[in-house]
Amino acid sequence: MKGYTRYFLVKFGWFLVTFVFAFVLNFTLPRLMPGDPVAAIVARQAQGMSNPTGVQAIYQQYTELFGTNRPIIEQFFIYVRNVFRGDFGFSFSQYPRTVAEVIGASIGWTLILQFPAILVGWILGNVLGAMAAYLKGGFDKMVMPTALFLSSFPAFGMAIILLVIFAVQLKWLPTSGGYGYNLIPSLTPTFLWSAFVHYQLPFWSIVLIAIGGQAIGMRSMSIYELNADYVKFARFMGIKDDKIVAYVFRNAMLPQVTGLALSIGTMVGGALIAEIVFSYPGLGTTLLNGIMGQDYPLISAATLIITFMVLTAFFILEIVYGLIDPRIKAAQSD
C-alpha cells in the first residue's frame, strides 16, 4: 500500500472512531443534567389548571411525544436512527418547533459572523507578526505590546468596551440584535443595511482578539526561522533576501495553519460570548438557551455539529499537513 494512501486511511479510521465516541457522549451527557424538562413544559402549559388528572395526562402526552418515558438505551438507538434521517426531534424549550428549524434559523448568522471574523483576524495577525519579526525596530516595539494587550484581554471585556464606546457613548452603532427589531428578514436594502450596521461590533470584537494571538505566534515562529542555520547558509550562498523570506514565512506558517483550523472548527463555541453580549441571533445564543431550558435534543444536536466541525477541521488539517510537509507523512506512516 502506498505511503500516502495508508496515511490517509489511518487518519480516516481515527476520525470515525473519535466521532462515534463523541456521538455517544453528545447523547449521554445532556441527559445526565438534573431536573425534568418535560415537567417544566407541562408547568407552562398547565398554568391555571386545577385538575391533577388533566395535568398528569398532559405530562404523559409530552413524555410519549418526546420519548423520555422509554429506557435510555432505546432512546439512544431511536436517536441514532433519527439523526441518520436528519431528524433531531422537537425542541423542548421552543416546542412545537423542531430542532432542525431552530438550528437552521441560527447557524447562518453564526457562520456569517464567525468565519469572516476569524479569517480577517488570522490574516491581519500573521501579516503584522511577520512584519514585526522582519522589520524589527520601532515597528516591532509598537506591534508587540499591542498584540500582548489584545491577546490577554478577555473576549467579553473587549465586547463590552466596544459596546460602551461605539454604541452607548458615541451612538454610532446599535447596542444589540442582528437587525432592527421593526424589520422582517429579507433581501431589501433597508434590511441589509440594518444587518450590516448590527454586524460591526460583534465582528470587530472577535477580530481584535484574534489579531493579538496570531501576531504573537507568527512573530515568534518567524524569529526562530530567521535565525535558523539554513537561512544563514542561504545568505552565505548569496541567495536573494526576498526568496529567503518566502521560505522562512512558509515554514513559520505551519503552526498558524493549525490555529486557523482549530479556530474554524470551534467557531460555534467561540461565538457564544460575542453573541450573548450583543444579543446576536446565532447558534451560540441558541445553545445557551437550550442549556438554560434543559433542551436535550437541541443541546445534543448543537454539540454534535460542533464536534463534527472540530473533527473535520482536524482531519483536513492532518491531510493537508501530509501534503505540505512530507516529513510528517513519512514519520506517521511507519
C-alpha atoms as a PDB file:
ATOM      1  CA  MET A   1       0.000   0.000   0.000  1.00  0.00           C
ATOM      2  CA  LYS A   2       1.439   3.381  -0.995  1.00  0.00           C
ATOM      3  CA  GLY A   3       2.577   5.665   1.811  1.00  0.00           C
ATOM      4  CA  TYR A   4       0.036   8.432   1.396  1.00  0.00           C
ATOM      5  CA  THR A   5      -2.921   6.046   0.962  1.00  0.00           C
ATOM      6  CA  ARG A   6      -2.005   4.283   4.199  1.00  0.00           C
ATOM      7  CA  TYR A   7      -1.525   7.648   5.903  1.00  0.00           C
ATOM      8  CA  PHE A   8      -4.972   8.801   4.696  1.00  0.00           C
ATOM      9  CA  LEU A   9      -6.730   5.576   5.778  1.00  0.00           C
ATOM     10  CA  VAL A  10      -5.170   5.673   9.259  1.00  0.00           C
ATOM     11  CA  LYS A  11      -6.307   9.264   9.755  1.00  0.00           C
ATOM     12  CA  PHE A  12      -9.793   8.483   8.444  1.00  0.00           C
ATOM     13  CA  GLY A  13     -10.041   5.490  10.792  1.00  0.00           C
ATOM     14  CA  TRP A  14      -9.186   7.672  13.789  1.00  0.00           C
ATOM     15  CA  PHE A  15     -11.732  10.231  12.565  1.00  0.00           C
ATOM     16  CA  LEU A  16     -14.500   7.601  12.577  1.00  0.00           C
ATOM     17  CA  VAL A  17     -13.550   6.147  15.978  1.00  0.00           C
ATOM     18  CA  THR A  18     -13.405   9.582  17.595  1.00  0.00           C
ATOM     19  CA  PHE A  19     -16.690  10.621  16.027  1.00  0.00           C
ATOM     20  CA  VAL A  20     -18.516   7.529  17.328  1.00  0.00           C
ATOM     21  CA  PHE A  21     -17.144   8.105  20.829  1.00  0.00           C
ATOM     22  CA  ALA A  22     -18.105  11.803  20.717  1.00  0.00           C
ATOM     23  CA  PHE A  23     -21.543  10.901  19.338  1.00  0.00           C
ATOM     24  CA  VAL A  24     -22.260   8.710  22.368  1.00  0.00           C
ATOM     25  CA  LEU A  25     -21.096  11.458  24.753  1.00  0.00           C
ATOM     26  CA  ASN A  26     -23.219  14.063  22.935  1.00  0.00           C
ATOM     27  CA  PHE A  27     -26.275  11.947  23.574  1.00  0.00           C
ATOM     28  CA  THR A  28     -25.450  10.889  27.136  1.00  0.00           C
ATOM     29  CA  LEU A  29     -24.084  13.993  28.873  1.00  0.00           C
ATOM     30  CA  PRO A  30     -27.085  16.360  28.371  1.00  0.00           C
ATOM     31  CA  ARG A  31     -29.375  13.643  29.757  1.00  0.00           C
ATOM     32  CA  LEU A  32     -27.326  13.441  32.956  1.00  0.00           C
ATOM     33  CA  MET A  33     -28.342  17.001  33.852  1.00  0.00           C
ATOM     34  CA  PRO A  34     -30.583  17.200  36.935  1.00  0.00           C
ATOM     35  CA  GLY A  35     -34.230  18.161  36.552  1.00  0.00           C
ATOM     36  CA  ASP A  36     -37.127  17.183  34.311  1.00  0.00           C
ATOM     37  CA  PRO A  37     -37.515  19.438  31.236  1.00  0.00           C
ATOM     38  CA  VAL A  38     -40.866  17.861  30.352  1.00  0.00           C
ATOM     39  CA  ALA A  39     -42.231  18.853  33.772  1.00  0.00           C
ATOM     40  CA  ALA A  40     -41.166  22.450  33.066  1.00  0.00           C
ATOM     41  CA  ILE A  41     -43.020  22.428  29.737  1.00  0.00           C
ATOM     42  CA  VAL A  42     -46.130  20.960  31.360  1.00  0.00           C
ATOM     43  CA  ALA A  43     -45.952  23.572  34.129  1.00  0.00           C
ATOM     44  CA  ARG A  44     -46.065  26.321  31.490  1.00  0.00           C
ATOM     45  CA  GLN A  45     -48.832  24.619  29.516  1.00  0.00           C
ATOM     46  CA  ALA A  46     -50.969  23.805  32.577  1.00  0.00           C
ATOM     47  CA  GLN A  47     -50.889  27.235  34.194  1.00  0.00           C
ATOM     48  CA  GLY A  48     -54.282  27.857  35.815  1.00  0.00           C
ATOM     49  CA  MET A  49     -55.352  24.208  35.661  1.00  0.00           C
ATOM     50  CA  SER A  50     -56.581  22.811  38.982  1.00  0.00           C
ATOM     51  CA  ASN A  51     -57.278  19.275  37.784  1.00  0.00           C
ATOM     52  CA  PRO A  52     -54.316  16.989  38.711  1.00  0.00           C
ATOM     53  CA  THR A  53     -55.576  14.240  36.417  1.00  0.00           C
ATOM     54  CA  GLY A  54     -55.569  16.606  33.459  1.00  0.00           C
ATOM     55  CA  VAL A  55     -52.046  17.807  34.271  1.00  0.00           C
ATOM     56  CA  GLN A  56     -50.873  14.194  34.550  1.00  0.00           C
ATOM     57  CA  ALA A  57     -52.451  13.396  31.186  1.00  0.00           C
ATOM     58  CA  ILE A  58     -50.619  16.328  29.592  1.00  0.00           C
ATOM     59  CA  TYR A  59     -47.354  15.152  31.180  1.00  0.00           C
ATOM     60  CA  GLN A  60     -47.793  11.615  29.820  1.00  0.00           C
ATOM     61  CA  GLN A  61     -48.660  13.007  26.398  1.00  0.00           C
ATOM     62  CA  TYR A  62     -45.428  15.006  26.270  1.00  0.00           C
ATOM     63  CA  THR A  63     -43.235  12.184  27.582  1.00  0.00           C
ATOM     64  CA  GLU A  64     -44.679   9.942  24.868  1.00  0.00           C
ATOM     65  CA  LEU A  65     -44.139  12.648  22.238  1.00  0.00           C
ATOM     66  CA  PHE A  66     -40.509  13.298  23.244  1.00  0.00           C
ATOM     67  CA  GLY A  67     -39.784   9.635  24.029  1.00  0.00           C
ATOM     68  CA  THR A  68     -38.476  10.383  27.537  1.00  0.00           C
ATOM     69  CA  ASN A  69     -40.663   7.623  29.033  1.00  0.00           C
ATOM     70  CA  ARG A  70     -38.583   4.929  27.315  1.00  0.00           C
ATOM     71  CA  PRO A  71     -35.354   3.302  28.601  1.00  0.00           C
ATOM     72  CA  ILE A  72     -32.218   5.316  27.863  1.00  0.00           C
ATOM     73  CA  ILE A  73     -30.796   2.570  25.598  1.00  0.00           C
ATOM     74  CA  GLU A  74     -33.946   2.575  23.477  1.00  0.00           C
ATOM     75  CA  GLN A  75     -33.839   6.378  23.333  1.00  0.00           C
ATOM     76  CA  PHE A  76     -30.245   6.171  22.103  1.00  0.00           C
ATOM     77  CA  PHE A  77     -30.988   3.828  19.196  1.00  0.00           C
ATOM     78  CA  ILE A  78     -34.042   5.901  18.222  1.00  0.00           C
ATOM     79  CA  TYR A  79     -31.803   8.976  18.325  1.00  0.00           C
ATOM     80  CA  VAL A  80     -29.195   7.293  16.092  1.00  0.00           C
ATOM     81  CA  ARG A  81     -31.863   6.251  13.584  1.00  0.00           C
ATOM     82  CA  ASN A  82     -33.403   9.724  13.503  1.00  0.00           C
ATOM     83  CA  VAL A  83     -30.037  11.514  13.163  1.00  0.00           C
ATOM     84  CA  PHE A  84     -29.190   9.468  10.067  1.00  0.00           C
ATOM     85  CA  ARG A  85     -32.559  10.612   8.671  1.00  0.00           C
ATOM     86  CA  GLY A  86     -31.704  14.241   9.506  1.00  0.00           C
ATOM     87  CA  ASP A  87     -34.367  14.329  12.239  1.00  0.00           C
ATOM     88  CA  PHE A  88     -33.251  15.704  15.635  1.00  0.00           C
ATOM     89  CA  GLY A  89     -36.771  15.738  17.061  1.00  0.00           C
ATOM     90  CA  PHE A  90     -38.729  18.529  18.705  1.00  0.00           C
ATOM     91  CA  SER A  91     -37.106  21.292  20.723  1.00  0.00           C
ATOM     92  CA  PHE A  92     -38.197  21.102  24.374  1.00  0.00           C
ATOM     93  CA  SER A  93     -37.743  24.814  25.023  1.00  0.00           C
ATOM     94  CA  GLN A  94     -39.253  26.042  21.731  1.00  0.00           C
ATOM     95  CA  TYR A  95     -41.925  23.380  21.132  1.00  0.00           C
ATOM     96  CA  PRO A  96     -43.631  22.893  18.646  1.00  0.00           C
ATOM     97  CA  ARG A  97     -40.573  23.952  16.575  1.00  0.00           C
ATOM     98  CA  THR A  98     -38.211  21.151  15.606  1.00  0.00           C
ATOM     99  CA  VAL A  99     -34.516  21.218  16.459  1.00  0.00           C
ATOM    100  CA  ALA A 100     -33.674  21.399  12.750  1.00  0.00           C
ATOM    101  CA  GLU A 101     -35.806  24.535  12.408  1.00  0.00           C
ATOM    102  CA  VAL A 102     -34.227  26.188  15.453  1.00  0.00           C
ATOM    103  CA  ILE A 103     -30.661  25.426  14.388  1.00  0.00           C
ATOM    104  CA  GLY A 104     -31.361  26.224  10.737  1.00  0.00           C
ATOM    105  CA  ALA A 105     -32.614  29.677  11.722  1.00  0.00           C
ATOM    106  CA  SER A 106     -29.498  30.490  13.755  1.00  0.00           C
ATOM    107  CA  ILE A 107     -26.484  28.733  12.227  1.00  0.00           C
ATOM    108  CA  GLY A 108     -26.383  31.046   9.205  1.00  0.00           C
ATOM    109  CA  TRP A 109     -25.946  34.074  11.492  1.00  0.00           C
ATOM    110  CA  THR A 110     -23.049  32.375  13.272  1.00  0.00           C
ATOM    111  CA  LEU A 111     -21.280  31.391  10.055  1.00  0.00           C
ATOM    112  CA  ILE A 112     -21.688  34.883   8.571  1.00  0.00           C
ATOM    113  CA  LEU A 113     -20.311  36.429  11.763  1.00  0.00           C
ATOM    114  CA  GLN A 114     -17.587  33.990  12.773  1.00  0.00           C
ATOM    115  CA  PHE A 115     -15.976  32.777   9.562  1.00  0.00           C
ATOM    116  CA  PRO A 116     -15.061  36.200   8.107  1.00  0.00           C
ATOM    117  CA  ALA A 117     -14.016  37.467  11.566  1.00  0.00           C
ATOM    118  CA  ILE A 118     -11.686  34.505  12.161  1.00  0.00           C
ATOM    119  CA  LEU A 119     -10.229  34.775   8.654  1.00  0.00           C
ATOM    120  CA  VAL A 120      -9.651  38.542   8.830  1.00  0.00           C
ATOM    121  CA  GLY A 121      -8.142  38.250  12.337  1.00  0.00           C
ATOM    122  CA  TRP A 122      -5.874  35.422  11.203  1.00  0.00           C
ATOM    123  CA  ILE A 123      -4.626  37.236   8.085  1.00  0.00           C
ATOM    124  CA  LEU A 124      -4.038  40.589   9.813  1.00  0.00           C
ATOM    125  CA  GLY A 125      -2.382  38.940  12.824  1.00  0.00           C
ATOM    126  CA  ASN A 126       0.006  36.883  10.708  1.00  0.00           C
ATOM    127  CA  VAL A 127       0.921  39.799   8.462  1.00  0.00           C
ATOM    128  CA  LEU A 128       1.637  42.047  11.457  1.00  0.00           C
ATOM    129  CA  GLY A 129       3.592  39.301  13.269  1.00  0.00           C
ATOM    130  CA  ALA A 130       5.722  38.525  10.201  1.00  0.00           C
ATOM    131  CA  MET A 131       6.404  42.207   9.566  1.00  0.00           C
ATOM    132  CA  ALA A 132       7.353  42.743  13.227  1.00  0.00           C
ATOM    133  CA  ALA A 133       9.878  39.878  13.073  1.00  0.00           C
ATOM    134  CA  TYR A 134      11.373  41.007   9.771  1.00  0.00           C
ATOM    135  CA  LEU A 135      11.407  44.796  10.188  1.00  0.00           C
ATOM    136  CA  LYS A 136      12.205  44.819  13.953  1.00  0.00           C
ATOM    137  CA  GLY A 137      12.933  48.250  15.467  1.00  0.00           C
ATOM    138  CA  GLY A 138      10.104  50.686  16.093  1.00  0.00           C
ATOM    139  CA  PHE A 139       7.501  48.656  14.223  1.00  0.00           C
ATOM    140  CA  ASP A 140       8.171  45.610  16.401  1.00  0.00           C
ATOM    141  CA  LYS A 141       8.073  47.741  19.573  1.00  0.00           C
ATOM    142  CA  MET A 142       4.697  49.085  18.541  1.00  0.00           C
ATOM    143  CA  VAL A 143       3.124  45.813  17.394  1.00  0.00           C
ATOM    144  CA  MET A 144       4.251  43.531  20.238  1.00  0.00           C
ATOM    145  CA  PRO A 145       2.804  45.448  23.218  1.00  0.00           C
ATOM    146  CA  THR A 146      -0.424  45.992  21.294  1.00  0.00           C
ATOM    147  CA  ALA A 147      -0.645  42.283  20.410  1.00  0.00           C
ATOM    148  CA  LEU A 148       0.103  41.250  24.009  1.00  0.00           C
ATOM    149  CA  PHE A 149      -2.588  43.610  25.280  1.00  0.00           C
ATOM    150  CA  LEU A 150      -5.179  42.327  22.793  1.00  0.00           C
ATOM    151  CA  SER A 151      -4.388  38.634  23.343  1.00  0.00           C
ATOM    152  CA  SER A 152      -4.536  38.919  27.148  1.00  0.00           C
ATOM    153  CA  PHE A 153      -7.816  40.809  27.059  1.00  0.00           C
ATOM    154  CA  PRO A 154     -10.912  38.661  27.791  1.00  0.00           C
ATOM    155  CA  ALA A 155     -13.313  38.353  24.886  1.00  0.00           C
ATOM    156  CA  PHE A 156     -16.275  39.607  26.886  1.00  0.00           C
ATOM    157  CA  GLY A 157     -14.216  42.609  28.065  1.00  0.00           C
ATOM    158  CA  MET A 158     -13.401  43.631  24.502  1.00  0.00           C
ATOM    159  CA  ALA A 159     -17.047  43.223  23.501  1.00  0.00           C
ATOM    160  CA  ILE A 160     -18.240  45.374  26.402  1.00  0.00           C
ATOM    161  CA  ILE A 161     -15.645  48.105  25.731  1.00  0.00           C
ATOM    162  CA  LEU A 162     -16.682  48.360  22.079  1.00  0.00           C
ATOM    163  CA  LEU A 163     -20.322  48.330  23.149  1.00  0.00           C
ATOM    164  CA  VAL A 164     -19.850  51.150  25.647  1.00  0.00           C
ATOM    165  CA  ILE A 165     -17.708  53.342  23.359  1.00  0.00           C
ATOM    166  CA  PHE A 166     -19.384  52.960  19.971  1.00  0.00           C
ATOM    167  CA  ALA A 167     -22.973  52.119  20.930  1.00  0.00           C
ATOM    168  CA  VAL A 168     -23.631  53.760  24.307  1.00  0.00           C
ATOM    169  CA  GLN A 169     -21.346  56.828  24.306  1.00  0.00           C
ATOM    170  CA  LEU A 170     -20.912  57.723  20.629  1.00  0.00           C
ATOM    171  CA  LYS A 171     -24.204  56.125  19.500  1.00  0.00           C
ATOM    172  CA  TRP A 172     -22.667  55.289  16.122  1.00  0.00           C
ATOM    173  CA  LEU A 173     -23.839  51.671  16.158  1.00  0.00           C
ATOM    174  CA  PRO A 174     -26.767  49.715  17.687  1.00  0.00           C
ATOM    175  CA  THR A 175     -26.312  48.020  21.035  1.00  0.00           C
ATOM    176  CA  SER A 176     -27.839  44.618  20.255  1.00  0.00           C
ATOM    177  CA  GLY A 177     -29.573  42.304  17.789  1.00  0.00           C
ATOM    178  CA  GLY A 178     -28.788  41.092  14.305  1.00  0.00           C
ATOM    179  CA  TYR A 179     -31.067  43.656  12.639  1.00  0.00           C
ATOM    180  CA  GLY A 180     -33.665  46.258  13.529  1.00  0.00           C
ATOM    181  CA  TYR A 181     -36.486  44.893  15.639  1.00  0.00           C
ATOM    182  CA  ASN A 182     -39.029  46.587  13.376  1.00  0.00           C
ATOM    183  CA  LEU A 183     -37.774  44.696  10.297  1.00  0.00           C
ATOM    184  CA  ILE A 184     -38.501  41.271   8.822  1.00  0.00           C
ATOM    185  CA  PRO A 185     -35.522  39.374   7.328  1.00  0.00           C
ATOM    186  CA  SER A 186     -35.469  39.932   3.571  1.00  0.00           C
ATOM    187  CA  LEU A 187     -33.096  41.000   0.816  1.00  0.00           C
ATOM    188  CA  THR A 188     -34.276  44.603   0.779  1.00  0.00           C
ATOM    189  CA  PRO A 189     -31.672  47.413   1.019  1.00  0.00           C
ATOM    190  CA  THR A 190     -33.174  48.575   4.330  1.00  0.00           C
ATOM    191  CA  PHE A 191     -32.791  45.178   5.964  1.00  0.00           C
ATOM    192  CA  LEU A 192     -29.299  44.528   4.524  1.00  0.00           C
ATOM    193  CA  TRP A 193     -28.067  47.916   5.763  1.00  0.00           C
ATOM    194  CA  SER A 194     -29.548  47.248   9.203  1.00  0.00           C
ATOM    195  CA  ALA A 195     -27.890  43.794   9.339  1.00  0.00           C
ATOM    196  CA  PHE A 196     -24.564  45.342   8.233  1.00  0.00           C
ATOM    197  CA  VAL A 197     -24.698  48.005  10.951  1.00  0.00           C
ATOM    198  CA  HIS A 198     -25.615  45.471  13.657  1.00  0.00           C
ATOM    199  CA  TYR A 199     -22.788  43.232  12.405  1.00  0.00           C
ATOM    200  CA  GLN A 200     -19.931  45.657  13.069  1.00  0.00           C
ATOM    201  CA  LEU A 201     -19.468  45.486  16.846  1.00  0.00           C
ATOM    202  CA  PRO A 202     -19.579  41.662  17.260  1.00  0.00           C
ATOM    203  CA  PHE A 203     -17.369  41.289  14.168  1.00  0.00           C
ATOM    204  CA  TRP A 204     -14.603  43.620  15.354  1.00  0.00           C
ATOM    205  CA  SER A 205     -14.734  42.322  18.941  1.00  0.00           C
ATOM    206  CA  ILE A 206     -13.761  38.896  17.543  1.00  0.00           C
ATOM    207  CA  VAL A 207     -11.220  40.240  15.033  1.00  0.00           C
ATOM    208  CA  LEU A 208      -9.292  42.339  17.571  1.00  0.00           C
ATOM    209  CA  ILE A 209      -8.892  39.413  19.979  1.00  0.00           C
ATOM    210  CA  ALA A 210      -7.792  37.102  17.140  1.00  0.00           C
ATOM    211  CA  ILE A 211      -5.187  39.570  15.827  1.00  0.00           C
ATOM    212  CA  GLY A 212      -3.260  39.639  19.105  1.00  0.00           C
ATOM    213  CA  GLY A 213      -2.761  35.876  19.466  1.00  0.00           C
ATOM    214  CA  GLN A 214      -1.950  35.307  15.800  1.00  0.00           C
ATOM    215  CA  ALA A 215       0.585  38.175  15.690  1.00  0.00           C
ATOM    216  CA  ILE A 216       2.469  36.888  18.737  1.00  0.00           C
ATOM    217  CA  GLY A 217       2.613  33.324  17.397  1.00  0.00           C
ATOM    218  CA  MET A 218       3.708  34.385  13.922  1.00  0.00           C
ATOM    219  CA  ARG A 219       6.367  36.753  15.255  1.00  0.00           C
ATOM    220  CA  SER A 220       7.911  34.056  17.459  1.00  0.00           C
ATOM    221  CA  MET A 221       7.961  31.463  14.684  1.00  0.00           C
ATOM    222  CA  SER A 222       9.366  33.938  12.180  1.00  0.00           C
ATOM    223  CA  ILE A 223      12.197  34.984  14.522  1.00  0.00           C
ATOM    224  CA  TYR A 224      13.054  31.302  15.086  1.00  0.00           C
ATOM    225  CA  GLU A 225      13.124  30.606  11.356  1.00  0.00           C
ATOM    226  CA  LEU A 226      15.078  33.784  10.533  1.00  0.00           C
ATOM    227  CA  ASN A 227      17.864  32.607  12.877  1.00  0.00           C
ATOM    228  CA  ALA A 228      17.879  29.007  11.607  1.00  0.00           C
ATOM    229  CA  ASP A 229      21.036  27.554  10.059  1.00  0.00           C
ATOM    230  CA  TYR A 230      19.506  27.150   6.590  1.00  0.00           C
ATOM    231  CA  VAL A 231      18.822  30.916   6.479  1.00  0.00           C
ATOM    232  CA  LYS A 232      22.417  31.730   7.420  1.00  0.00           C
ATOM    233  CA  PHE A 233      23.670  29.272   4.805  1.00  0.00           C
ATOM    234  CA  ALA A 234      21.349  30.712   2.152  1.00  0.00           C
ATOM    235  CA  ARG A 235      22.591  34.234   2.876  1.00  0.00           C
ATOM    236  CA  PHE A 236      26.191  32.982   2.757  1.00  0.00           C
ATOM    237  CA  MET A 237      25.455  31.497  -0.676  1.00  0.00           C
ATOM    238  CA  GLY A 238      24.179  34.863  -1.877  1.00  0.00           C
ATOM    239  CA  ILE A 239      20.519  33.910  -2.345  1.00  0.00           C
ATOM    240  CA  LYS A 240      18.295  36.950  -2.607  1.00  0.00           C
ATOM    241  CA  ASP A 241      16.658  38.105   0.595  1.00  0.00           C
ATOM    242  CA  ASP A 242      13.086  38.062  -0.744  1.00  0.00           C
ATOM    243  CA  LYS A 243      13.453  34.381  -1.694  1.00  0.00           C
ATOM    244  CA  ILE A 244      14.803  33.533   1.772  1.00  0.00           C
ATOM    245  CA  VAL A 245      11.963  35.421   3.438  1.00  0.00           C
ATOM    246  CA  ALA A 246       9.418  33.472   1.357  1.00  0.00           C
ATOM    247  CA  TYR A 247      10.881  30.154   2.634  1.00  0.00           C
ATOM    248  CA  VAL A 248      11.038  31.466   6.199  1.00  0.00           C
ATOM    249  CA  PHE A 249       7.421  32.540   6.334  1.00  0.00           C
ATOM    250  CA  ARG A 250       6.248  29.359   4.622  1.00  0.00           C
ATOM    251  CA  ASN A 251       7.868  27.285   7.376  1.00  0.00           C
ATOM    252  CA  ALA A 252       6.588  29.640  10.070  1.00  0.00           C
ATOM    253  CA  MET A 253       3.023  29.310   8.751  1.00  0.00           C
ATOM    254  CA  LEU A 254       2.597  25.618   9.662  1.00  0.00           C
ATOM    255  CA  PRO A 255       1.628  26.165  13.336  1.00  0.00           C
ATOM    256  CA  GLN A 256      -0.510  29.123  12.293  1.00  0.00           C
ATOM    257  CA  VAL A 257      -2.468  26.908   9.882  1.00  0.00           C
ATOM    258  CA  THR A 258      -3.175  24.651  12.852  1.00  0.00           C
ATOM    259  CA  GLY A 259      -4.514  27.624  14.785  1.00  0.00           C
ATOM    260  CA  LEU A 260      -6.721  28.647  11.864  1.00  0.00           C
ATOM    261  CA  ALA A 261      -8.196  25.145  11.506  1.00  0.00           C
ATOM    262  CA  LEU A 262      -8.910  24.943  15.228  1.00  0.00           C
ATOM    263  CA  SER A 263     -10.495  28.401  15.224  1.00  0.00           C
ATOM    264  CA  ILE A 264     -12.793  27.468  12.334  1.00  0.00           C
ATOM    265  CA  GLY A 265     -13.655  24.132  13.924  1.00  0.00           C
ATOM    266  CA  THR A 266     -14.553  25.740  17.237  1.00  0.00           C
ATOM    267  CA  MET A 267     -16.224  28.831  15.803  1.00  0.00           C
ATOM    268  CA  VAL A 268     -19.634  27.934  17.208  1.00  0.00           C
ATOM    269  CA  GLY A 269     -18.334  27.662  20.775  1.00  0.00           C
ATOM    270  CA  GLY A 270     -16.312  30.827  20.306  1.00  0.00           C
ATOM    271  CA  ALA A 271     -19.410  32.627  19.102  1.00  0.00           C
ATOM    272  CA  LEU A 272     -21.069  32.312  22.475  1.00  0.00           C
ATOM    273  CA  ILE A 273     -19.588  35.389  24.169  1.00  0.00           C
ATOM    274  CA  ALA A 274     -19.958  37.841  21.282  1.00  0.00           C
ATOM    275  CA  GLU A 275     -23.487  36.627  20.554  1.00  0.00           C
ATOM    276  CA  ILE A 276     -24.573  36.890  24.196  1.00  0.00           C
ATOM    277  CA  VAL A 277     -23.100  40.363  24.758  1.00  0.00           C
ATOM    278  CA  PHE A 278     -24.652  41.742  21.571  1.00  0.00           C
ATOM    279  CA  SER A 279     -27.795  39.523  21.612  1.00  0.00           C
ATOM    280  CA  TYR A 280     -26.779  38.320  18.161  1.00  0.00           C
ATOM    281  CA  PRO A 281     -29.222  35.654  16.859  1.00  0.00           C
ATOM    282  CA  GLY A 282     -26.640  32.904  16.237  1.00  0.00           C
ATOM    283  CA  LEU A 283     -26.085  29.313  17.265  1.00  0.00           C
ATOM    284  CA  GLY A 284     -24.137  30.284  20.380  1.00  0.00           C
ATOM    285  CA  THR A 285     -27.167  32.082  21.790  1.00  0.00           C
ATOM    286  CA  THR A 286     -29.394  29.182  20.760  1.00  0.00           C
ATOM    287  CA  LEU A 287     -27.120  26.692  22.540  1.00  0.00           C
ATOM    288  CA  LEU A 288     -27.120  28.799  25.696  1.00  0.00           C
ATOM    289  CA  ASN A 289     -30.922  28.985  25.630  1.00  0.00           C
ATOM    290  CA  GLY A 290     -31.031  25.206  25.157  1.00  0.00           C
ATOM    291  CA  ILE A 291     -28.808  24.647  28.208  1.00  0.00           C
ATOM    292  CA  MET A 292     -30.896  27.035  30.320  1.00  0.00           C
ATOM    293  CA  GLY A 293     -34.084  25.224  29.247  1.00  0.00           C
ATOM    294  CA  GLN A 294     -32.655  21.678  29.617  1.00  0.00           C
ATOM    295  CA  ASP A 295     -33.438  21.158  25.959  1.00  0.00           C
ATOM    296  CA  TYR A 296     -31.743  17.754  25.436  1.00  0.00           C
ATOM    297  CA  PRO A 297     -32.417  17.406  21.702  1.00  0.00           C
ATOM    298  CA  LEU A 298     -31.220  20.955  20.985  1.00  0.00           C
ATOM    299  CA  ILE A 299     -28.080  20.574  23.127  1.00  0.00           C
ATOM    300  CA  SER A 300     -27.251  17.198  21.556  1.00  0.00           C
ATOM    301  CA  ALA A 301     -27.742  18.493  18.011  1.00  0.00           C
ATOM    302  CA  ALA A 302     -25.741  21.700  18.596  1.00  0.00           C
ATOM    303  CA  THR A 303     -22.849  19.911  20.294  1.00  0.00           C
ATOM    304  CA  LEU A 304     -22.899  17.236  17.586  1.00  0.00           C
ATOM    305  CA  ILE A 305     -22.483  19.946  14.954  1.00  0.00           C
ATOM    306  CA  ILE A 306     -19.612  21.495  16.944  1.00  0.00           C
ATOM    307  CA  THR A 307     -17.978  18.078  17.379  1.00  0.00           C
ATOM    308  CA  PHE A 308     -18.296  17.259  13.702  1.00  0.00           C
ATOM    309  CA  MET A 309     -16.813  20.629  12.716  1.00  0.00           C
ATOM    310  CA  VAL A 310     -13.846  20.226  15.087  1.00  0.00           C
ATOM    311  CA  LEU A 311     -13.113  16.645  13.992  1.00  0.00           C
ATOM    312  CA  THR A 312     -13.453  17.563  10.324  1.00  0.00           C
ATOM    313  CA  ALA A 313     -11.110  20.517  10.817  1.00  0.00           C
ATOM    314  CA  PHE A 314      -8.532  18.238  12.469  1.00  0.00           C
ATOM    315  CA  PHE A 315      -8.918  15.615   9.752  1.00  0.00           C
ATOM    316  CA  ILE A 316      -8.464  18.126   6.927  1.00  0.00           C
ATOM    317  CA  LEU A 317      -5.536  19.611   8.814  1.00  0.00           C
ATOM    318  CA  GLU A 318      -3.809  16.235   9.096  1.00  0.00           C
ATOM    319  CA  ILE A 319      -4.358  15.539   5.405  1.00  0.00           C
ATOM    320  CA  VAL A 320      -3.077  18.981   4.370  1.00  0.00           C
ATOM    321  CA  TYR A 321      -0.076  18.588   6.684  1.00  0.00           C
ATOM    322  CA  GLY A 322       0.767  15.323   4.965  1.00  0.00           C
ATOM    323  CA  LEU A 323       0.794  17.151   1.641  1.00  0.00           C
ATOM    324  CA  ILE A 324       2.627  20.280   2.788  1.00  0.00           C
ATOM    325  CA  ASP A 325       5.278  18.588   4.906  1.00  0.00           C
ATOM    326  CA  PRO A 326       6.329  15.097   3.693  1.00  0.00           C
ATOM    327  CA  ARG A 327       8.286  14.564   6.951  1.00  0.00           C
ATOM    328  CA  ILE A 328       5.009  14.296   8.901  1.00  0.00           C
ATOM    329  CA  LYS A 329       3.556  11.778   6.470  1.00  0.00           C
ATOM    330  CA  ALA A 330       6.758   9.689   6.487  1.00  0.00           C
ATOM    331  CA  ALA A 331       7.009   9.711  10.290  1.00  0.00           C
ATOM    332  CA  GLN A 332       3.379   8.716  10.868  1.00  0.00           C
ATOM    333  CA  SER A 333       3.251   6.118   8.077  1.00  0.00           C
ATOM    334  CA  ASP A 334       5.892   3.942   9.771  1.00  0.00           C
END
